[in-house]
């Protein structure tokens, strides 16, 4: 890929214009030193109005020193907002790591990127609009739109738009693969109660809605504080004959055997026994693990390459460092990887996780939205229709919560404030206004129904 590292901004601008709606793949490109195999395919695709995405084939291992190249190879892609940032990265990061050969001597150092030989197999080089027009209605429904998936998730998760966008894009790409060699893995960090686990719990339903029922996943939630002792490891993966727990089943193995399309949530993964981390390292890498066969001395292979594994952790609790752009998923991912390794995790495990996510402390506007959402949930649990809420009510409720960083604490406080009053409401067939706070009152609001809102 030497020719790309020495191309000018003007070369790339012309090249990008020639892409149209296509993704162009270049096979048999020399990869940076430390890559195995040493040659592989790369590709370029337009992103937004002026950006570009640089893809690299999956399965390339890396023994070099560049963390950015390592991240590119692990994720399979790197996004650039402008041509300038792409050319700068290629020249400063890739060029010094390339084995310098005679690839460009015959070209005289001047390149027409649009004229470079592309992969003859057009499974990747194609016009997406034309493909979509040729699909049947049923096939179109199976395409998961990342925006639609994100919208579904945002119905339940507030204030975490960058992380939800990253999840939606990765999941959509994962689901469209015909064959999976390894599962999709996420690792979400952030303070407790900001939506890390809830996002994973809502993901299966959101996938089904966004795909019009074409994809159906089950969810398995595992609280890893229950697996901190060594003897509990067998309850996940099984125990060999002659050991305690043999023939008693294995929760993770049994769930994935029954339904390979499962979203497995390892909640507070840092609390799990180190042996679990070791098994997960191999599982994330190969998409398989072995478990003893019930009633015999043999073992069976559990295939989980179609599963989605989602780890949560409270290792990082604060705000994103000010020098990092919250919208830059690449920079966030790299920063978290460094911090997780610094916290004692083995780099071999960290390298096998597809994506690290940061769930931020909720902002003031987010807290208002969360309070409205929780109020509506609680009222619905009592079959009460809530149409609007006075601003003073929201302000009073938030002031009464000691820790507003946790959605769970906000919900608990709201229910403590309102449950008796809600139970006292007799007529559940009409909408109500919530006024107060001295005292809180539910007032019939027959003139106004529909979506819950905060009053002006």
Protein backbone atom coordinates (compact mmCIF):
# COMPACT_ATOMS: atom_id res chain seq x y z
CA UNK A 1 0.00 0.00 0.00
CA UNK A 2 3.03 2.21 -0.53
CA UNK A 3 1.32 4.07 -3.37
CA UNK A 4 -1.36 5.36 -0.99
CA UNK A 5 1.11 6.66 1.59
CA UNK A 6 2.87 8.93 -0.91
CA UNK A 7 -0.25 10.16 -2.72
CA UNK A 8 -1.11 13.84 -2.39
CA UNK A 9 -4.29 15.39 -1.01
CA UNK A 10 -5.29 16.29 -4.58
CA UNK A 11 -4.78 12.66 -5.65
CA UNK A 12 -7.09 11.46 -2.90
CA UNK A 13 -9.70 14.12 -3.56
CA UNK A 14 -9.94 12.97 -7.18
CA UNK A 15 -9.96 9.36 -6.01
CA UNK A 16 -12.74 9.98 -3.49
CA UNK A 17 -14.86 11.70 -6.15
CA UNK A 18 -14.53 8.60 -8.33
CA UNK A 19 -15.84 6.32 -5.58
CA UNK A 20 -19.45 7.42 -5.91
CA UNK A 21 -21.54 5.04 -3.82
CA UNK A 22 -19.04 2.22 -4.22
CA UNK A 23 -16.52 0.62 -1.90
CA UNK A 24 -13.25 -0.02 -3.74
CA UNK A 25 -11.09 -2.95 -2.67
CA UNK A 26 -7.39 -3.40 -3.53
CA UNK A 27 -6.04 -6.91 -3.09
CA UNK A 28 -2.52 -8.16 -2.37
CA UNK A 29 -1.30 -4.94 -0.75
CA UNK A 30 1.92 -4.88 1.30
CA UNK A 31 0.95 -4.33 4.95
CA UNK A 32 3.07 -2.69 7.68
CA UNK A 33 5.94 -4.57 9.25
CA UNK A 34 4.81 -6.96 11.97
CA UNK A 35 1.65 -8.02 10.10
CA UNK A 36 0.91 -11.66 9.38
CA UNK A 37 0.15 -12.30 6.60
CA UNK A 38 2.43 -9.62 5.20
CA UNK A 39 0.05 -8.84 2.32
CA UNK A 40 -3.68 -8.39 2.33
CA UNK A 41 -6.68 -6.48 0.98
CA UNK A 42 -7.59 -2.90 1.85
CA UNK A 43 -10.54 -0.80 0.71
CA UNK A 44 -11.84 2.76 0.61
CA UNK A 45 -15.39 4.05 0.95
CA UNK A 46 -16.96 7.49 1.19
CA UNK A 47 -18.19 8.62 4.61
CA UNK A 48 -20.46 11.64 4.93
CA UNK A 49 -19.87 14.77 2.90
CA UNK A 50 -16.08 14.86 3.00
CA UNK A 51 -14.88 11.81 4.94
CA UNK A 52 -13.47 8.47 3.90
CA UNK A 53 -13.19 5.02 5.51
CA UNK A 54 -10.07 2.86 5.18
CA UNK A 55 -10.84 -0.85 5.51
CA UNK A 56 -8.46 -3.76 6.00
CA UNK A 57 -9.17 -7.46 5.74
CA UNK A 58 -9.98 -9.30 8.97
CA UNK A 59 -7.72 -11.94 10.49
CA UNK A 60 -4.41 -10.07 10.23
CA UNK A 61 -2.30 -10.43 13.38
CA UNK A 62 0.19 -7.76 14.40
CA UNK A 63 3.43 -7.91 16.37
CA UNK A 64 4.52 -4.33 15.70
CA UNK A 65 4.77 -1.33 17.99
CA UNK A 66 2.10 1.03 16.60
CA UNK A 67 -1.04 1.13 18.70
CA UNK A 68 -2.96 2.90 15.93
CA UNK A 69 -2.12 0.22 13.38
CA UNK A 70 -3.07 -2.44 15.94
CA UNK A 71 -6.45 -0.78 16.46
CA UNK A 72 -7.02 -0.50 12.71
CA UNK A 73 -6.32 -4.21 12.24
CA UNK A 74 -8.46 -5.27 15.20
CA UNK A 75 -11.47 -3.18 14.15
CA UNK A 76 -11.07 -3.72 10.42
CA UNK A 77 -11.60 -0.06 9.57
CA UNK A 78 -10.58 3.48 10.39
CA UNK A 79 -12.72 6.54 9.69
CA UNK A 80 -11.36 9.94 8.68
CA UNK A 81 -13.41 13.13 8.71
CA UNK A 82 -11.36 14.70 5.90
CA UNK A 83 -8.93 13.73 3.16
CA UNK A 84 -6.27 15.77 4.97
CA UNK A 85 -6.47 13.61 8.11
CA UNK A 86 -6.32 10.45 5.99
CA UNK A 87 -3.19 11.48 4.07
CA UNK A 88 -1.53 12.71 7.28
CA UNK A 89 -2.21 9.36 9.01
CA UNK A 90 -0.94 7.35 6.03
CA UNK A 91 2.27 9.38 5.81
CA UNK A 92 3.01 9.58 9.53
CA UNK A 93 1.71 6.24 10.79
CA UNK A 94 1.74 3.74 7.90
CA UNK A 95 4.66 4.91 5.71
CA UNK A 96 7.38 4.52 8.40
CA UNK A 97 6.15 0.98 9.12
CA UNK A 98 6.22 -0.24 5.51
CA UNK A 99 9.03 -2.41 4.15
CA UNK A 100 10.30 -0.06 1.43
CA UNK A 101 10.37 -1.83 -1.91
CA UNK A 102 10.39 -0.92 -5.59
CA UNK A 103 6.59 -0.87 -5.98
CA UNK A 104 6.42 2.67 -7.29
CA UNK A 105 9.59 3.03 -9.33
CA UNK A 106 7.79 2.27 -12.56
CA UNK A 107 5.22 4.92 -11.78
CA UNK A 108 7.74 7.71 -11.41
CA UNK A 109 6.28 8.79 -8.08
CA UNK A 110 3.08 10.16 -9.61
CA UNK A 111 -0.14 8.27 -8.99
CA UNK A 112 -3.60 8.23 -10.44
CA UNK A 113 -5.41 6.44 -7.64
CA UNK A 114 -8.61 6.16 -9.63
CA UNK A 115 -6.78 4.11 -12.25
CA UNK A 116 -5.23 1.60 -9.85
CA UNK A 117 -6.14 -2.01 -10.41
CA UNK A 118 -9.04 -3.02 -8.21
CA UNK A 119 -10.14 -6.45 -6.97
CA UNK A 120 -11.65 -8.37 -9.87
CA UNK A 121 -14.15 -10.05 -7.59
CA UNK A 122 -16.98 -7.54 -7.36
CA UNK A 123 -18.50 -8.87 -4.15
CA UNK A 124 -17.21 -5.72 -2.43
CA UNK A 125 -16.83 -3.30 -5.33
CA UNK A 126 -20.42 -2.55 -6.16
CA UNK A 127 -23.03 0.13 -6.44
CA UNK A 128 -25.06 -0.08 -3.24
CA UNK A 129 -28.06 1.78 -4.64
CA UNK A 130 -28.30 -0.67 -7.53
CA UNK A 131 -27.95 -3.63 -5.19
CA UNK A 132 -30.78 -2.33 -3.02
CA UNK A 133 -33.02 -1.85 -6.07
CA UNK A 134 -32.45 -5.49 -7.09
CA UNK A 135 -33.27 -6.98 -3.72
CA UNK A 136 -36.67 -8.49 -3.01
CA UNK A 137 -38.86 -6.90 -0.35
CA UNK A 138 -38.02 -9.73 2.04
CA UNK A 139 -34.27 -9.28 1.49
CA UNK A 140 -34.54 -5.54 1.99
CA UNK A 141 -36.20 -6.12 5.35
CA UNK A 142 -33.19 -8.14 6.51
CA UNK A 143 -30.88 -5.15 6.01
CA UNK A 144 -30.44 -3.50 9.39
CA UNK A 145 -30.26 0.27 9.08
CA UNK A 146 -27.81 1.60 11.73
CA UNK A 147 -29.85 4.79 12.12
CA UNK A 148 -33.02 2.82 12.74
CA UNK A 149 -31.24 0.59 15.26
CA UNK A 150 -29.86 3.62 17.07
CA UNK A 151 -33.33 5.20 17.15
CA UNK A 152 -34.75 2.05 18.72
CA UNK A 153 -32.05 2.05 21.40
CA UNK A 154 -32.56 5.75 22.14
CA UNK A 155 -36.17 5.05 23.10
CA UNK A 156 -34.77 3.53 26.30
CA UNK A 157 -31.24 4.96 26.62
CA UNK A 158 -30.74 8.69 27.18
CA UNK A 159 -27.59 10.76 26.88
CA UNK A 160 -25.32 8.14 25.30
CA UNK A 161 -25.70 8.94 21.60
CA UNK A 162 -22.01 8.40 20.56
CA UNK A 163 -21.88 4.93 22.12
CA UNK A 164 -25.26 3.95 20.69
CA UNK A 165 -24.16 5.08 17.23
CA UNK A 166 -21.01 2.95 17.45
CA UNK A 167 -22.96 -0.09 18.65
CA UNK A 168 -25.55 0.31 15.90
CA UNK A 169 -22.95 0.53 13.14
CA UNK A 170 -20.97 -2.46 14.43
CA UNK A 171 -24.04 -4.63 14.99
CA UNK A 172 -25.49 -3.78 11.56
CA UNK A 173 -22.24 -4.72 9.85
CA UNK A 174 -21.96 -7.92 11.92
CA UNK A 175 -25.49 -9.07 11.08
CA UNK A 176 -25.00 -8.63 7.35
CA UNK A 177 -22.07 -11.04 7.23
CA UNK A 178 -22.97 -14.35 5.63
CA UNK A 179 -20.39 -16.26 7.65
CA UNK A 180 -18.94 -15.40 11.04
CA UNK A 181 -15.51 -16.56 12.14
CA UNK A 182 -15.67 -14.83 15.49
CA UNK A 183 -18.35 -13.22 17.68
CA UNK A 184 -18.92 -9.49 18.06
CA UNK A 185 -17.56 -8.18 21.36
CA UNK A 186 -18.15 -4.92 23.20
CA UNK A 187 -16.64 -3.60 26.43
CA UNK A 188 -18.56 -0.71 28.01
CA UNK A 189 -17.08 1.44 30.78
CA UNK A 190 -18.48 4.32 32.82
CA UNK A 191 -20.06 5.04 36.20
CA UNK A 192 -22.89 2.84 37.53
CA UNK A 193 -26.45 3.59 36.50
CA UNK A 194 -25.86 5.46 33.20
CA UNK A 195 -27.17 2.79 30.83
CA UNK A 196 -24.35 0.33 30.14
CA UNK A 197 -26.25 -2.82 31.10
CA UNK A 198 -29.64 -1.45 30.03
CA UNK A 199 -28.28 -0.89 26.51
CA UNK A 200 -27.33 -4.55 26.22
CA UNK A 201 -30.66 -5.64 27.67
CA UNK A 202 -32.54 -3.57 25.07
CA UNK A 203 -30.32 -4.58 22.16
CA UNK A 204 -32.12 -7.82 21.26
CA UNK A 205 -35.52 -6.11 21.05
CA UNK A 206 -34.05 -3.18 19.13
CA UNK A 207 -32.41 -5.51 16.59
CA UNK A 208 -35.72 -7.26 16.01
CA UNK A 209 -37.57 -3.97 15.54
CA UNK A 210 -34.91 -2.43 13.30
CA UNK A 211 -34.73 -5.53 11.09
CA UNK A 212 -38.53 -5.95 10.85
CA UNK A 213 -38.21 -9.30 12.61
CA UNK A 214 -35.53 -10.66 10.28
CA UNK A 215 -33.10 -11.15 13.18
CA UNK A 216 -34.04 -12.56 16.56
CA UNK A 217 -31.65 -12.72 19.52
CA UNK A 218 -32.07 -13.96 23.06
CA UNK A 219 -30.40 -12.27 26.02
CA UNK A 220 -28.38 -13.90 28.81
CA UNK A 221 -27.41 -11.64 31.71
CA UNK A 222 -24.57 -12.89 33.91
CA UNK A 223 -23.67 -10.95 37.06
CA UNK A 224 -19.95 -11.60 37.32
CA UNK A 225 -19.73 -10.79 41.02
CA UNK A 226 -21.35 -14.19 41.42
CA UNK A 227 -18.41 -15.82 39.61
CA UNK A 228 -15.50 -14.37 41.56
CA UNK A 229 -14.49 -17.71 43.11
CA UNK A 230 -12.72 -20.45 41.19
CA UNK A 231 -15.28 -23.18 41.92
CA UNK A 232 -17.98 -21.10 40.18
CA UNK A 233 -16.15 -21.18 36.82
CA UNK A 234 -17.52 -24.65 36.04
CA UNK A 235 -21.07 -23.31 36.35
CA UNK A 236 -20.43 -21.28 33.21
CA UNK A 237 -18.35 -23.61 31.08
CA UNK A 238 -18.93 -27.06 32.61
CA UNK A 239 -16.87 -29.35 34.82
CA UNK A 240 -14.96 -32.47 33.65
CA UNK A 241 -15.80 -35.92 34.92
CA UNK A 242 -14.54 -36.53 38.42
CA UNK A 243 -14.77 -32.88 39.44
CA UNK A 244 -17.42 -31.08 41.46
CA UNK A 245 -20.23 -29.89 39.20
CA UNK A 246 -19.89 -32.62 36.58
CA UNK A 247 -23.22 -33.39 34.88
CA UNK A 248 -24.85 -30.36 36.52
CA UNK A 249 -24.90 -28.29 33.36
CA UNK A 250 -23.09 -25.13 32.35
CA UNK A 251 -25.07 -21.90 32.10
CA UNK A 252 -23.18 -20.24 29.24
CA UNK A 253 -22.52 -23.45 27.29
CA UNK A 254 -26.13 -24.60 27.57
CA UNK A 255 -27.54 -21.20 26.54
CA UNK A 256 -25.34 -20.96 23.44
CA UNK A 257 -26.07 -24.57 22.49
CA UNK A 258 -29.81 -23.91 22.66
CA UNK A 259 -29.60 -20.59 20.80
CA UNK A 260 -26.36 -19.50 19.08
CA UNK A 261 -27.97 -16.10 18.38
CA UNK A 262 -27.62 -14.85 21.95
CA UNK A 263 -26.49 -11.54 23.43
CA UNK A 264 -24.42 -12.52 26.46
CA UNK A 265 -23.94 -9.75 29.04
CA UNK A 266 -20.97 -10.11 31.39
CA UNK A 267 -22.00 -7.49 33.94
CA UNK A 268 -19.09 -6.04 35.94
CA UNK A 269 -16.63 -8.32 34.16
CA UNK A 270 -13.70 -7.15 36.31
CA UNK A 271 -15.19 -9.06 39.26
CA UNK A 272 -15.00 -12.43 37.50
CA UNK A 273 -12.34 -15.00 38.42
CA UNK A 274 -9.17 -14.71 36.24
CA UNK A 275 -9.84 -18.19 34.82
CA UNK A 276 -13.03 -16.84 33.25
CA UNK A 277 -11.03 -14.08 31.60
CA UNK A 278 -8.69 -16.68 30.15
CA UNK A 279 -11.52 -18.74 28.64
CA UNK A 280 -13.14 -15.62 27.23
CA UNK A 281 -9.88 -14.62 25.55
CA UNK A 282 -9.93 -17.82 23.50
CA UNK A 283 -13.68 -17.63 22.96
CA UNK A 284 -13.52 -14.06 21.60
CA UNK A 285 -10.65 -15.05 19.31
CA UNK A 286 -11.91 -18.32 17.82
CA UNK A 287 -15.67 -18.19 18.37
CA UNK A 288 -15.58 -21.61 20.06
CA UNK A 289 -14.90 -23.25 23.41
CA UNK A 290 -15.06 -26.81 24.72
CA UNK A 291 -17.27 -28.15 27.50
CA UNK A 292 -17.56 -31.69 28.94
CA UNK A 293 -20.25 -33.88 27.41
CA UNK A 294 -22.91 -34.94 29.88
CA UNK A 295 -22.85 -38.63 30.68
CA UNK A 296 -19.51 -39.38 28.96
CA UNK A 297 -15.81 -38.71 29.22
CA UNK A 298 -15.66 -36.68 26.01
CA UNK A 299 -16.20 -33.02 25.29
CA UNK A 300 -18.25 -30.99 22.85
CA UNK A 301 -17.36 -27.87 20.94
CA UNK A 302 -19.63 -24.87 21.48
CA UNK A 303 -19.78 -22.57 18.47
CA UNK A 304 -20.63 -19.00 19.36
CA UNK A 305 -19.42 -16.99 16.36
CA UNK A 306 -22.98 -15.71 15.82
CA UNK A 307 -23.26 -14.45 19.39
CA UNK A 308 -22.75 -10.90 20.65
CA UNK A 309 -20.73 -10.62 23.86
CA UNK A 310 -21.15 -7.45 25.86
CA UNK A 311 -18.98 -6.72 28.91
CA UNK A 312 -19.64 -3.90 31.36
CA UNK A 313 -17.16 -2.48 33.83
CA UNK A 314 -16.84 0.31 36.36
CA UNK A 315 -13.06 0.57 35.87
CA UNK A 316 -13.48 4.09 34.47
CA UNK A 317 -16.15 6.08 36.29
CA UNK A 318 -15.55 9.74 35.55
CA UNK A 319 -15.89 12.04 32.58
CA UNK A 320 -14.16 11.61 29.26
CA UNK A 321 -10.85 13.53 29.40
CA UNK A 322 -11.31 17.03 27.93
CA UNK A 323 -8.60 16.45 25.32
CA UNK A 324 -10.70 13.67 23.76
CA UNK A 325 -13.59 14.32 21.39
CA UNK A 326 -16.63 12.41 22.63
CA UNK A 327 -17.72 11.90 19.02
CA UNK A 328 -14.38 10.32 18.04
CA UNK A 329 -15.06 6.63 18.69
CA UNK A 330 -11.55 5.68 17.58
CA UNK A 331 -9.78 7.97 20.04
CA UNK A 332 -12.15 6.90 22.83
CA UNK A 333 -11.57 3.22 22.03
CA UNK A 334 -7.78 3.60 22.08
CA UNK A 335 -7.81 5.57 25.34
CA UNK A 336 -9.98 2.97 27.09
CA UNK A 337 -7.73 0.13 25.88
CA UNK A 338 -4.72 1.81 27.49
CA UNK A 339 -6.59 2.39 30.75
CA UNK A 340 -7.90 -1.17 30.92
CA UNK A 341 -4.39 -2.57 30.41
CA UNK A 342 -3.08 -0.15 33.04
CA UNK A 343 -5.76 -1.49 35.41
CA UNK A 344 -4.21 -4.95 35.16
CA UNK A 345 -5.93 -6.61 32.22
CA UNK A 346 -3.76 -8.66 29.90
CA UNK A 347 -3.21 -7.01 26.54
CA UNK A 348 -3.96 -10.35 24.83
CA UNK A 349 -7.53 -10.16 26.12
CA UNK A 350 -7.93 -6.45 25.36
CA UNK A 351 -6.76 -6.97 21.76
CA UNK A 352 -9.50 -9.54 21.17
CA UNK A 353 -12.34 -7.16 22.04
CA UNK A 354 -13.82 -5.48 18.96
CA UNK A 355 -14.98 -2.25 20.49
CA UNK A 356 -14.60 -0.29 23.72
CA UNK A 357 -17.39 2.14 24.63
CA UNK A 358 -17.57 5.02 27.10
CA UNK A 359 -20.91 5.71 28.79
CA UNK A 360 -20.70 9.24 30.12
CA UNK A 361 -22.03 10.94 33.22
CA UNK A 362 -25.47 12.33 32.37
CA UNK A 363 -25.75 16.04 31.54
CA UNK A 364 -28.42 18.35 32.98
CA UNK A 365 -30.72 18.07 29.95
CA UNK A 366 -30.31 14.31 30.02
CA UNK A 367 -31.34 14.21 33.67
CA UNK A 368 -34.58 16.03 32.86
CA UNK A 369 -35.33 13.54 30.07
CA UNK A 370 -34.48 10.60 32.33
CA UNK A 371 -36.78 11.92 35.06
CA UNK A 372 -39.66 12.31 32.59
CA UNK A 373 -39.03 8.83 31.24
CA UNK A 374 -38.96 7.25 34.69
CA UNK A 375 -42.09 9.15 35.75
CA UNK A 376 -43.91 7.75 32.74
CA UNK A 377 -42.73 4.20 33.45
CA UNK A 378 -43.86 4.36 37.06
CA UNK A 379 -47.24 5.84 36.15
CA UNK A 380 -47.76 3.16 33.51
CA UNK A 381 -47.06 0.49 36.13
CA UNK A 382 -50.11 1.86 37.98
CA UNK A 383 -52.14 2.17 34.73
CA UNK A 384 -52.10 5.95 35.08
CA UNK A 385 -51.86 8.16 31.98
CA UNK A 386 -49.43 11.04 32.52
CA UNK A 387 -49.65 13.82 29.89
CA UNK A 388 -47.53 16.66 31.32
CA UNK A 389 -45.34 17.62 34.27
CA UNK A 390 -44.68 21.01 35.85
CA UNK A 391 -40.99 22.06 35.68
CA UNK A 392 -40.98 22.66 39.47
CA UNK A 393 -41.75 18.96 39.97
CA UNK A 394 -38.73 17.85 37.93
CA UNK A 395 -36.44 20.35 39.68
CA UNK A 396 -37.59 19.26 43.15
CA UNK A 397 -37.17 15.58 42.34
CA UNK A 398 -33.66 16.04 41.01
CA UNK A 399 -32.67 18.12 44.04
CA UNK A 400 -33.90 15.29 46.27
CA UNK A 401 -31.59 12.71 44.68
CA UNK A 402 -28.18 12.51 46.36
CA UNK A 403 -26.48 10.99 43.31
CA UNK A 404 -28.02 12.15 40.03
CA UNK A 405 -25.40 10.22 38.02
CA UNK A 406 -27.40 7.03 38.52
CA UNK A 407 -30.68 6.46 36.67
CA UNK A 408 -31.54 3.72 39.17
CA UNK A 409 -31.33 6.15 42.09
CA UNK A 410 -33.48 8.69 40.25
CA UNK A 411 -36.14 6.03 39.55
CA UNK A 412 -36.13 4.83 43.16
CA UNK A 413 -36.51 8.38 44.50
CA UNK A 414 -39.41 9.15 42.13
CA UNK A 415 -41.33 6.06 43.17
CA UNK A 416 -40.79 6.85 46.85
CA UNK A 417 -42.23 10.31 46.28
CA UNK A 418 -45.27 9.34 44.22
CA UNK A 419 -46.42 5.78 44.84
CA UNK A 420 -49.09 6.58 47.45
CA UNK A 421 -50.54 9.41 45.35
CA UNK A 422 -50.65 7.26 42.23
CA UNK A 423 -52.39 4.46 44.08
CA UNK A 424 -55.00 6.95 45.21
CA UNK A 425 -55.97 7.84 41.65
CA UNK A 426 -59.32 6.27 40.94
CA UNK A 427 -59.95 6.92 37.27
CA UNK A 428 -57.28 5.44 34.99
CA UNK A 429 -59.13 6.21 31.74
CA UNK A 430 -58.15 9.90 31.53
CA UNK A 431 -54.75 11.65 31.34
CA UNK A 432 -53.30 13.60 34.26
CA UNK A 433 -50.98 16.50 34.92
CA UNK A 434 -48.38 16.18 37.66
CA UNK A 435 -48.09 19.42 39.62
CA UNK A 436 -46.40 20.38 42.87
CA UNK A 437 -44.18 19.94 44.66
CA UNK A 438 -45.91 21.12 47.82
CA UNK A 439 -47.66 18.75 47.65
CA UNK A 440 -47.36 16.61 44.53
CA UNK A 441 -50.75 16.28 42.88
CA UNK A 442 -52.21 14.47 39.89
CA UNK A 443 -54.79 16.74 38.25
CA UNK A 444 -57.10 15.52 35.46
CA UNK A 445 -55.99 16.91 32.10
CA UNK A 446 -58.82 15.91 29.80
CA UNK A 447 -57.91 18.53 27.21
CA UNK A 448 -54.41 17.21 26.67
CA UNK A 449 -53.27 13.66 25.95
CA UNK A 450 -50.65 12.03 23.81
CA UNK A 451 -46.93 12.19 24.39
CA UNK A 452 -45.68 13.07 27.86
CA UNK A 453 -44.13 16.54 27.94
CA UNK A 454 -42.58 19.04 30.30
CA UNK A 455 -44.83 22.06 30.66
CA UNK A 456 -43.59 25.50 29.61
